[in-house]
Amino acid sequence: MLATESAKLLLFSGGAAILFSSLLGVLMLMPLQAHEPKKKAGVNFKHIGAAHLDWIILGLMQGLAGALIWVFALDVSLMVLGLMIFGGWINPLAYVFKAFGVNAFQFSGGAVQQFAAALGGLSSLAIIVAWTLILFGAYQNW
């Protein structure tokens, strides 16, 4: 895929992640008001807050990846773009699972916990593979 199109896709995805996280941040304000309990309906908002910040960080990560692709004129595959976008959007779900009582940071327990942990591990691996390929390509074009 052309460098400019790849960069646009990652920049758009990163911007969308930041917008999504911003909307989530506004929604988080409502149950966290002084008259509301900190934990409502079995949801731990501390972990939702962690996911909120993670989506912002990973949105910025996607934007940086797009900038590197554009600056170094990298011809990256759809697989690399897919890995970066998948990792950027799915990785924060580990915190969302944890907010609802499922420890996605430990591969044990029942099927839901194992699925959540596997999803977190796969999304982390996707990010690492995508960054490795992007940085290797940038180094070669330096």
N, C-alpha and C. Protein backbone atom coordinates (compact mmCIF):
# COMPACT_ATOMS: atom_id res chain seq x y z
N MET A 1 0.85 -1.18 0.00
CA MET A 1 0.00 0.00 0.00
C MET A 1 0.90 1.24 0.00
N LEU A 2 0.50 2.27 -0.71
CA LEU A 2 1.28 3.49 -0.78
C LEU A 2 1.48 4.12 0.59
N ALA A 3 2.63 4.76 0.76
CA ALA A 3 2.96 5.36 2.05
C ALA A 3 1.93 6.40 2.48
N THR A 4 1.50 7.24 1.54
CA THR A 4 0.55 8.29 1.94
C THR A 4 -0.79 7.70 2.35
N GLU A 5 -1.25 6.68 1.65
CA GLU A 5 -2.53 6.05 2.01
C GLU A 5 -2.42 5.31 3.34
N SER A 6 -1.30 4.63 3.55
CA SER A 6 -1.08 3.93 4.81
C SER A 6 -1.04 4.92 5.97
N ALA A 7 -0.33 6.02 5.76
CA ALA A 7 -0.22 7.04 6.81
C ALA A 7 -1.59 7.63 7.12
N LYS A 8 -2.36 7.91 6.07
CA LYS A 8 -3.71 8.46 6.29
C LYS A 8 -4.57 7.51 7.10
N LEU A 9 -4.50 6.22 6.77
CA LEU A 9 -5.30 5.22 7.49
C LEU A 9 -4.93 5.18 8.97
N LEU A 10 -3.63 5.14 9.26
CA LEU A 10 -3.20 5.09 10.66
C LEU A 10 -3.51 6.39 11.40
N LEU A 11 -3.32 7.52 10.73
CA LEU A 11 -3.64 8.80 11.36
C LEU A 11 -5.14 8.91 11.65
N PHE A 12 -5.96 8.44 10.71
CA PHE A 12 -7.40 8.47 10.92
C PHE A 12 -7.80 7.53 12.06
N SER A 13 -7.27 6.32 12.07
CA SER A 13 -7.59 5.36 13.12
C SER A 13 -7.15 5.89 14.48
N GLY A 14 -5.95 6.47 14.54
CA GLY A 14 -5.48 7.05 15.80
C GLY A 14 -6.35 8.20 16.26
N GLY A 15 -6.74 9.06 15.33
CA GLY A 15 -7.63 10.16 15.68
C GLY A 15 -8.99 9.67 16.16
N ALA A 16 -9.50 8.62 15.51
CA ALA A 16 -10.78 8.03 15.92
C ALA A 16 -10.67 7.43 17.32
N ALA A 17 -9.52 6.82 17.63
CA ALA A 17 -9.32 6.25 18.97
C ALA A 17 -9.31 7.36 20.03
N ILE A 18 -8.70 8.48 19.70
CA ILE A 18 -8.67 9.60 20.65
C ILE A 18 -10.06 10.19 20.83
N LEU A 19 -10.81 10.31 19.74
CA LEU A 19 -12.20 10.79 19.84
C LEU A 19 -13.02 9.82 20.69
N PHE A 20 -12.90 8.53 20.42
CA PHE A 20 -13.64 7.52 21.20
C PHE A 20 -13.28 7.63 22.68
N SER A 21 -12.00 7.77 22.97
CA SER A 21 -11.56 7.87 24.37
C SER A 21 -12.08 9.14 25.02
N SER A 22 -12.13 10.21 24.25
CA SER A 22 -12.66 11.47 24.79
C SER A 22 -14.14 11.34 25.13
N LEU A 23 -14.89 10.68 24.25
CA LEU A 23 -16.31 10.45 24.54
C LEU A 23 -16.48 9.54 25.76
N LEU A 24 -15.63 8.53 25.86
CA LEU A 24 -15.65 7.65 27.03
C LEU A 24 -15.34 8.44 28.30
N GLY A 25 -14.40 9.37 28.20
CA GLY A 25 -14.05 10.21 29.34
C GLY A 25 -15.23 11.05 29.82
N VAL A 26 -16.00 11.59 28.88
CA VAL A 26 -17.19 12.36 29.25
C VAL A 26 -18.22 11.46 29.92
N LEU A 27 -18.41 10.26 29.36
CA LEU A 27 -19.37 9.33 29.95
C LEU A 27 -18.94 8.89 31.35
N MET A 28 -17.63 8.80 31.56
CA MET A 28 -17.12 8.40 32.88
C MET A 28 -17.40 9.46 33.93
N LEU A 29 -17.54 10.70 33.53
CA LEU A 29 -17.79 11.77 34.50
C LEU A 29 -19.13 11.62 35.20
N MET A 30 -20.10 11.10 34.49
CA MET A 30 -21.45 11.06 35.06
C MET A 30 -21.55 10.21 36.32
N PRO A 31 -21.13 8.95 36.29
CA PRO A 31 -21.26 8.17 37.53
C PRO A 31 -20.22 8.53 38.59
N LEU A 32 -19.25 9.34 38.25
CA LEU A 32 -18.20 9.68 39.22
C LEU A 32 -18.45 11.01 39.92
N GLN A 33 -19.62 11.58 39.77
CA GLN A 33 -19.93 12.83 40.45
C GLN A 33 -20.03 12.57 41.95
N ALA A 34 -19.93 13.62 42.73
CA ALA A 34 -19.90 13.50 44.20
C ALA A 34 -21.12 12.78 44.74
N HIS A 35 -22.27 12.94 44.12
CA HIS A 35 -23.49 12.30 44.63
C HIS A 35 -23.63 10.85 44.19
N GLU A 36 -22.72 10.39 43.38
CA GLU A 36 -22.77 9.01 42.88
C GLU A 36 -21.67 8.17 43.54
N PRO A 37 -21.90 6.89 43.73
CA PRO A 37 -20.84 6.03 44.28
C PRO A 37 -19.74 5.81 43.25
N LYS A 38 -18.53 5.56 43.73
CA LYS A 38 -17.39 5.34 42.84
C LYS A 38 -17.50 4.04 42.06
N LYS A 39 -18.19 3.08 42.63
CA LYS A 39 -18.37 1.80 41.95
C LYS A 39 -19.86 1.61 41.76
N LYS A 40 -20.29 1.59 40.53
CA LYS A 40 -21.72 1.52 40.26
C LYS A 40 -22.02 0.31 39.39
N ALA A 41 -23.03 -0.42 39.77
CA ALA A 41 -23.51 -1.58 39.01
C ALA A 41 -22.39 -2.58 38.73
N GLY A 42 -21.50 -2.77 39.68
CA GLY A 42 -20.45 -3.77 39.51
C GLY A 42 -19.33 -3.35 38.58
N VAL A 43 -19.23 -2.08 38.24
CA VAL A 43 -18.20 -1.59 37.32
C VAL A 43 -17.18 -0.80 38.12
N ASN A 44 -15.92 -1.17 38.00
CA ASN A 44 -14.85 -0.44 38.66
C ASN A 44 -14.34 0.63 37.69
N PHE A 45 -14.67 1.88 37.96
CA PHE A 45 -14.35 2.96 37.03
C PHE A 45 -12.86 3.31 37.01
N LYS A 46 -12.13 2.83 37.99
CA LYS A 46 -10.67 3.02 37.97
C LYS A 46 -10.09 2.31 36.73
N HIS A 47 -10.60 1.13 36.44
CA HIS A 47 -10.11 0.37 35.29
C HIS A 47 -10.65 0.93 33.97
N ILE A 48 -11.86 1.47 33.99
CA ILE A 48 -12.38 2.15 32.80
C ILE A 48 -11.50 3.37 32.50
N GLY A 49 -11.07 4.06 33.55
CA GLY A 49 -10.15 5.19 33.38
C GLY A 49 -8.82 4.76 32.78
N ALA A 50 -8.34 3.59 33.18
CA ALA A 50 -7.09 3.08 32.61
C ALA A 50 -7.28 2.78 31.13
N ALA A 51 -8.42 2.21 30.75
CA ALA A 51 -8.70 1.94 29.34
C ALA A 51 -8.79 3.25 28.56
N HIS A 52 -9.43 4.24 29.16
CA HIS A 52 -9.57 5.57 28.56
C HIS A 52 -8.20 6.15 28.21
N LEU A 53 -7.28 6.10 29.16
CA LEU A 53 -5.93 6.61 28.91
C LEU A 53 -5.18 5.74 27.90
N ASP A 54 -5.38 4.44 27.96
CA ASP A 54 -4.71 3.53 27.03
C ASP A 54 -5.15 3.80 25.59
N TRP A 55 -6.45 4.05 25.36
CA TRP A 55 -6.90 4.36 24.01
C TRP A 55 -6.29 5.66 23.50
N ILE A 56 -6.09 6.64 24.38
CA ILE A 56 -5.43 7.88 23.96
C ILE A 56 -3.98 7.58 23.57
N ILE A 57 -3.27 6.87 24.42
CA ILE A 57 -1.86 6.56 24.15
C ILE A 57 -1.72 5.73 22.88
N LEU A 58 -2.57 4.73 22.72
CA LEU A 58 -2.46 3.89 21.54
C LEU A 58 -2.96 4.61 20.28
N GLY A 59 -3.85 5.58 20.43
CA GLY A 59 -4.21 6.43 19.29
C GLY A 59 -3.02 7.27 18.85
N LEU A 60 -2.29 7.84 19.83
CA LEU A 60 -1.08 8.59 19.51
C LEU A 60 -0.02 7.67 18.88
N MET A 61 0.05 6.42 19.34
CA MET A 61 0.98 5.45 18.78
C MET A 61 0.66 5.20 17.31
N GLN A 62 -0.61 5.05 16.98
CA GLN A 62 -0.99 4.84 15.59
C GLN A 62 -0.63 6.06 14.74
N GLY A 63 -0.84 7.24 15.30
CA GLY A 63 -0.46 8.46 14.58
C GLY A 63 1.04 8.54 14.33
N LEU A 64 1.83 8.17 15.33
CA LEU A 64 3.29 8.17 15.15
C LEU A 64 3.70 7.15 14.10
N ALA A 65 3.06 5.98 14.12
CA ALA A 65 3.37 4.97 13.10
C ALA A 65 3.04 5.51 11.71
N GLY A 66 1.92 6.20 11.59
CA GLY A 66 1.55 6.81 10.31
C GLY A 66 2.56 7.86 9.88
N ALA A 67 3.04 8.65 10.82
CA ALA A 67 4.04 9.67 10.50
C ALA A 67 5.34 9.03 10.04
N LEU A 68 5.77 7.98 10.70
CA LEU A 68 6.99 7.28 10.29
C LEU A 68 6.85 6.70 8.88
N ILE A 69 5.70 6.12 8.60
CA ILE A 69 5.45 5.55 7.28
C ILE A 69 5.51 6.65 6.22
N TRP A 70 4.93 7.80 6.52
CA TRP A 70 4.93 8.91 5.57
C TRP A 70 6.32 9.51 5.39
N VAL A 71 7.01 9.79 6.49
CA VAL A 71 8.33 10.43 6.42
C VAL A 71 9.36 9.55 5.72
N PHE A 72 9.32 8.25 6.00
CA PHE A 72 10.28 7.33 5.40
C PHE A 72 9.76 6.70 4.11
N ALA A 73 8.60 7.14 3.64
CA ALA A 73 8.01 6.65 2.39
C ALA A 73 7.98 5.12 2.35
N LEU A 74 7.46 4.52 3.42
CA LEU A 74 7.44 3.07 3.52
C LEU A 74 6.27 2.48 2.76
N ASP A 75 6.54 1.41 2.06
CA ASP A 75 5.49 0.65 1.38
C ASP A 75 5.16 -0.53 2.30
N VAL A 76 4.19 -0.33 3.18
CA VAL A 76 3.85 -1.37 4.16
C VAL A 76 2.64 -2.16 3.68
N SER A 77 2.58 -3.39 4.12
CA SER A 77 1.48 -4.26 3.72
C SER A 77 0.23 -3.96 4.54
N LEU A 78 -0.88 -4.45 4.02
CA LEU A 78 -2.13 -4.32 4.77
C LEU A 78 -2.06 -5.10 6.08
N MET A 79 -1.25 -6.15 6.11
CA MET A 79 -1.09 -6.93 7.34
C MET A 79 -0.49 -6.06 8.45
N VAL A 80 0.54 -5.29 8.12
CA VAL A 80 1.18 -4.42 9.11
C VAL A 80 0.18 -3.38 9.61
N LEU A 81 -0.55 -2.78 8.71
CA LEU A 81 -1.55 -1.79 9.11
C LEU A 81 -2.63 -2.44 9.98
N GLY A 82 -3.07 -3.63 9.56
CA GLY A 82 -4.09 -4.34 10.32
C GLY A 82 -3.62 -4.70 11.72
N LEU A 83 -2.36 -5.13 11.83
CA LEU A 83 -1.82 -5.46 13.15
C LEU A 83 -1.77 -4.24 14.06
N MET A 84 -1.32 -3.10 13.50
CA MET A 84 -1.22 -1.87 14.29
C MET A 84 -2.61 -1.39 14.73
N ILE A 85 -3.55 -1.42 13.83
CA ILE A 85 -4.90 -0.95 14.15
C ILE A 85 -5.59 -1.92 15.12
N PHE A 86 -5.48 -3.22 14.85
CA PHE A 86 -6.05 -4.22 15.76
C PHE A 86 -5.48 -4.05 17.17
N GLY A 87 -4.16 -3.97 17.27
CA GLY A 87 -3.53 -3.81 18.59
C GLY A 87 -3.95 -2.54 19.28
N GLY A 88 -4.02 -1.45 18.52
CA GLY A 88 -4.36 -0.15 19.10
C GLY A 88 -5.78 -0.07 19.63
N TRP A 89 -6.69 -0.77 18.98
CA TRP A 89 -8.08 -0.72 19.42
C TRP A 89 -8.43 -1.80 20.44
N ILE A 90 -7.81 -2.97 20.34
CA ILE A 90 -8.20 -4.11 21.17
C ILE A 90 -7.43 -4.16 22.49
N ASN A 91 -6.19 -3.69 22.51
CA ASN A 91 -5.37 -3.81 23.71
C ASN A 91 -6.01 -3.22 24.97
N PRO A 92 -6.67 -2.06 24.91
CA PRO A 92 -7.28 -1.51 26.13
C PRO A 92 -8.45 -2.33 26.69
N LEU A 93 -8.96 -3.28 25.91
CA LEU A 93 -10.08 -4.08 26.40
C LEU A 93 -9.72 -4.89 27.64
N ALA A 94 -8.44 -5.16 27.86
CA ALA A 94 -8.04 -5.87 29.07
C ALA A 94 -8.49 -5.10 30.31
N TYR A 95 -8.39 -3.77 30.27
CA TYR A 95 -8.85 -2.96 31.40
C TYR A 95 -10.37 -2.96 31.50
N VAL A 96 -11.05 -2.99 30.36
CA VAL A 96 -12.51 -3.03 30.37
C VAL A 96 -12.98 -4.35 30.99
N PHE A 97 -12.35 -5.45 30.58
CA PHE A 97 -12.69 -6.73 31.20
C PHE A 97 -12.46 -6.67 32.71
N LYS A 98 -11.33 -6.10 33.12
CA LYS A 98 -11.01 -6.01 34.55
C LYS A 98 -12.04 -5.16 35.29
N ALA A 99 -12.55 -4.12 34.63
CA ALA A 99 -13.57 -3.27 35.25
C ALA A 99 -14.84 -4.04 35.58
N PHE A 100 -15.08 -5.11 34.82
CA PHE A 100 -16.27 -5.93 35.05
C PHE A 100 -15.95 -7.22 35.81
N GLY A 101 -14.75 -7.28 36.41
CA GLY A 101 -14.40 -8.40 37.28
C GLY A 101 -13.69 -9.56 36.61
N VAL A 102 -13.28 -9.41 35.35
CA VAL A 102 -12.57 -10.48 34.65
C VAL A 102 -11.11 -10.06 34.53
N ASN A 103 -10.21 -10.79 35.15
CA ASN A 103 -8.79 -10.45 35.14
C ASN A 103 -8.16 -10.90 33.82
N ALA A 104 -8.10 -9.99 32.86
CA ALA A 104 -7.55 -10.30 31.54
C ALA A 104 -6.02 -10.27 31.54
N PHE A 105 -5.42 -10.04 32.67
CA PHE A 105 -3.96 -10.00 32.76
C PHE A 105 -3.38 -11.32 33.26
N GLN A 106 -4.26 -12.30 33.47
CA GLN A 106 -3.81 -13.59 33.97
C GLN A 106 -4.53 -14.69 33.18
N PHE A 107 -3.74 -15.55 32.53
CA PHE A 107 -4.31 -16.63 31.73
C PHE A 107 -4.63 -17.82 32.63
N SER A 108 -5.75 -17.73 33.31
CA SER A 108 -6.22 -18.82 34.16
C SER A 108 -7.72 -18.64 34.31
N GLY A 109 -8.32 -19.41 35.16
CA GLY A 109 -9.74 -19.26 35.38
C GLY A 109 -10.57 -19.89 34.28
N GLY A 110 -11.76 -19.34 34.10
CA GLY A 110 -12.70 -19.90 33.14
C GLY A 110 -12.45 -19.46 31.71
N ALA A 111 -13.37 -19.84 30.86
CA ALA A 111 -13.23 -19.57 29.42
C ALA A 111 -13.22 -18.08 29.11
N VAL A 112 -14.04 -17.30 29.80
CA VAL A 112 -14.09 -15.85 29.54
C VAL A 112 -12.76 -15.20 29.91
N GLN A 113 -12.22 -15.57 31.06
CA GLN A 113 -10.94 -15.00 31.49
C GLN A 113 -9.83 -15.42 30.53
N GLN A 114 -9.82 -16.66 30.10
CA GLN A 114 -8.79 -17.11 29.17
C GLN A 114 -8.93 -16.41 27.82
N PHE A 115 -10.16 -16.22 27.36
CA PHE A 115 -10.38 -15.47 26.12
C PHE A 115 -9.87 -14.05 26.25
N ALA A 116 -10.20 -13.38 27.35
CA ALA A 116 -9.78 -12.00 27.58
C ALA A 116 -8.26 -11.90 27.64
N ALA A 117 -7.62 -12.83 28.33
CA ALA A 117 -6.16 -12.83 28.43
C ALA A 117 -5.52 -13.10 27.07
N ALA A 118 -6.08 -14.03 26.31
CA ALA A 118 -5.55 -14.34 24.98
C ALA A 118 -5.69 -13.14 24.06
N LEU A 119 -6.81 -12.45 24.15
CA LEU A 119 -7.03 -11.26 23.34
C LEU A 119 -6.02 -10.17 23.69
N GLY A 120 -5.77 -9.99 24.97
CA GLY A 120 -4.76 -9.02 25.40
C GLY A 120 -3.37 -9.39 24.92
N GLY A 121 -3.04 -10.67 25.02
CA GLY A 121 -1.73 -11.12 24.55
C GLY A 121 -1.58 -10.98 23.05
N LEU A 122 -2.61 -11.34 22.30
CA LEU A 122 -2.55 -11.20 20.84
C LEU A 122 -2.45 -9.75 20.40
N SER A 123 -3.18 -8.87 21.07
CA SER A 123 -3.11 -7.46 20.69
C SER A 123 -1.74 -6.86 21.01
N SER A 124 -1.14 -7.27 22.11
CA SER A 124 0.23 -6.82 22.42
C SER A 124 1.22 -7.34 21.40
N LEU A 125 1.09 -8.60 21.04
CA LEU A 125 1.96 -9.19 20.03
C LEU A 125 1.79 -8.49 18.68
N ALA A 126 0.55 -8.17 18.33
CA ALA A 126 0.28 -7.47 17.06
C ALA A 126 1.00 -6.12 17.03
N ILE A 127 0.96 -5.40 18.13
CA ILE A 127 1.63 -4.09 18.20
C ILE A 127 3.14 -4.26 18.05
N ILE A 128 3.70 -5.24 18.74
CA ILE A 128 5.16 -5.46 18.68
C ILE A 128 5.60 -5.85 17.28
N VAL A 129 4.86 -6.73 16.63
CA VAL A 129 5.21 -7.15 15.27
C VAL A 129 5.10 -5.97 14.32
N ALA A 130 4.02 -5.21 14.40
CA ALA A 130 3.84 -4.05 13.51
C ALA A 130 4.96 -3.03 13.71
N TRP A 131 5.29 -2.71 14.96
CA TRP A 131 6.36 -1.74 15.22
C TRP A 131 7.71 -2.25 14.72
N THR A 132 7.96 -3.53 14.90
CA THR A 132 9.23 -4.11 14.44
C THR A 132 9.35 -3.95 12.92
N LEU A 133 8.28 -4.27 12.19
CA LEU A 133 8.32 -4.17 10.74
C LEU A 133 8.42 -2.72 10.26
N ILE A 134 7.70 -1.83 10.93
CA ILE A 134 7.76 -0.42 10.54
C ILE A 134 9.15 0.16 10.81
N LEU A 135 9.70 -0.10 11.99
CA LEU A 135 11.02 0.44 12.32
C LEU A 135 12.12 -0.19 11.46
N PHE A 136 11.99 -1.46 11.15
CA PHE A 136 12.96 -2.12 10.26
C PHE A 136 12.92 -1.46 8.88
N GLY A 137 11.72 -1.20 8.38
CA GLY A 137 11.59 -0.53 7.09
C GLY A 137 12.12 0.90 7.14
N ALA A 138 11.87 1.61 8.22
CA ALA A 138 12.38 2.98 8.36
C ALA A 138 13.91 2.98 8.40
N TYR A 139 14.47 2.02 9.10
CA TYR A 139 15.94 1.92 9.18
C TYR A 139 16.52 1.65 7.79
N GLN A 140 15.88 0.79 7.02
CA GLN A 140 16.38 0.49 5.68
C GLN A 140 16.28 1.69 4.74
N ASN A 141 15.28 2.54 4.93
CA ASN A 141 15.10 3.72 4.07
C ASN A 141 15.84 4.95 4.57
N TRP A 142 16.53 4.84 5.66
CA TRP A 142 17.18 6.00 6.28
C TRP A 142 18.21 6.56 5.34
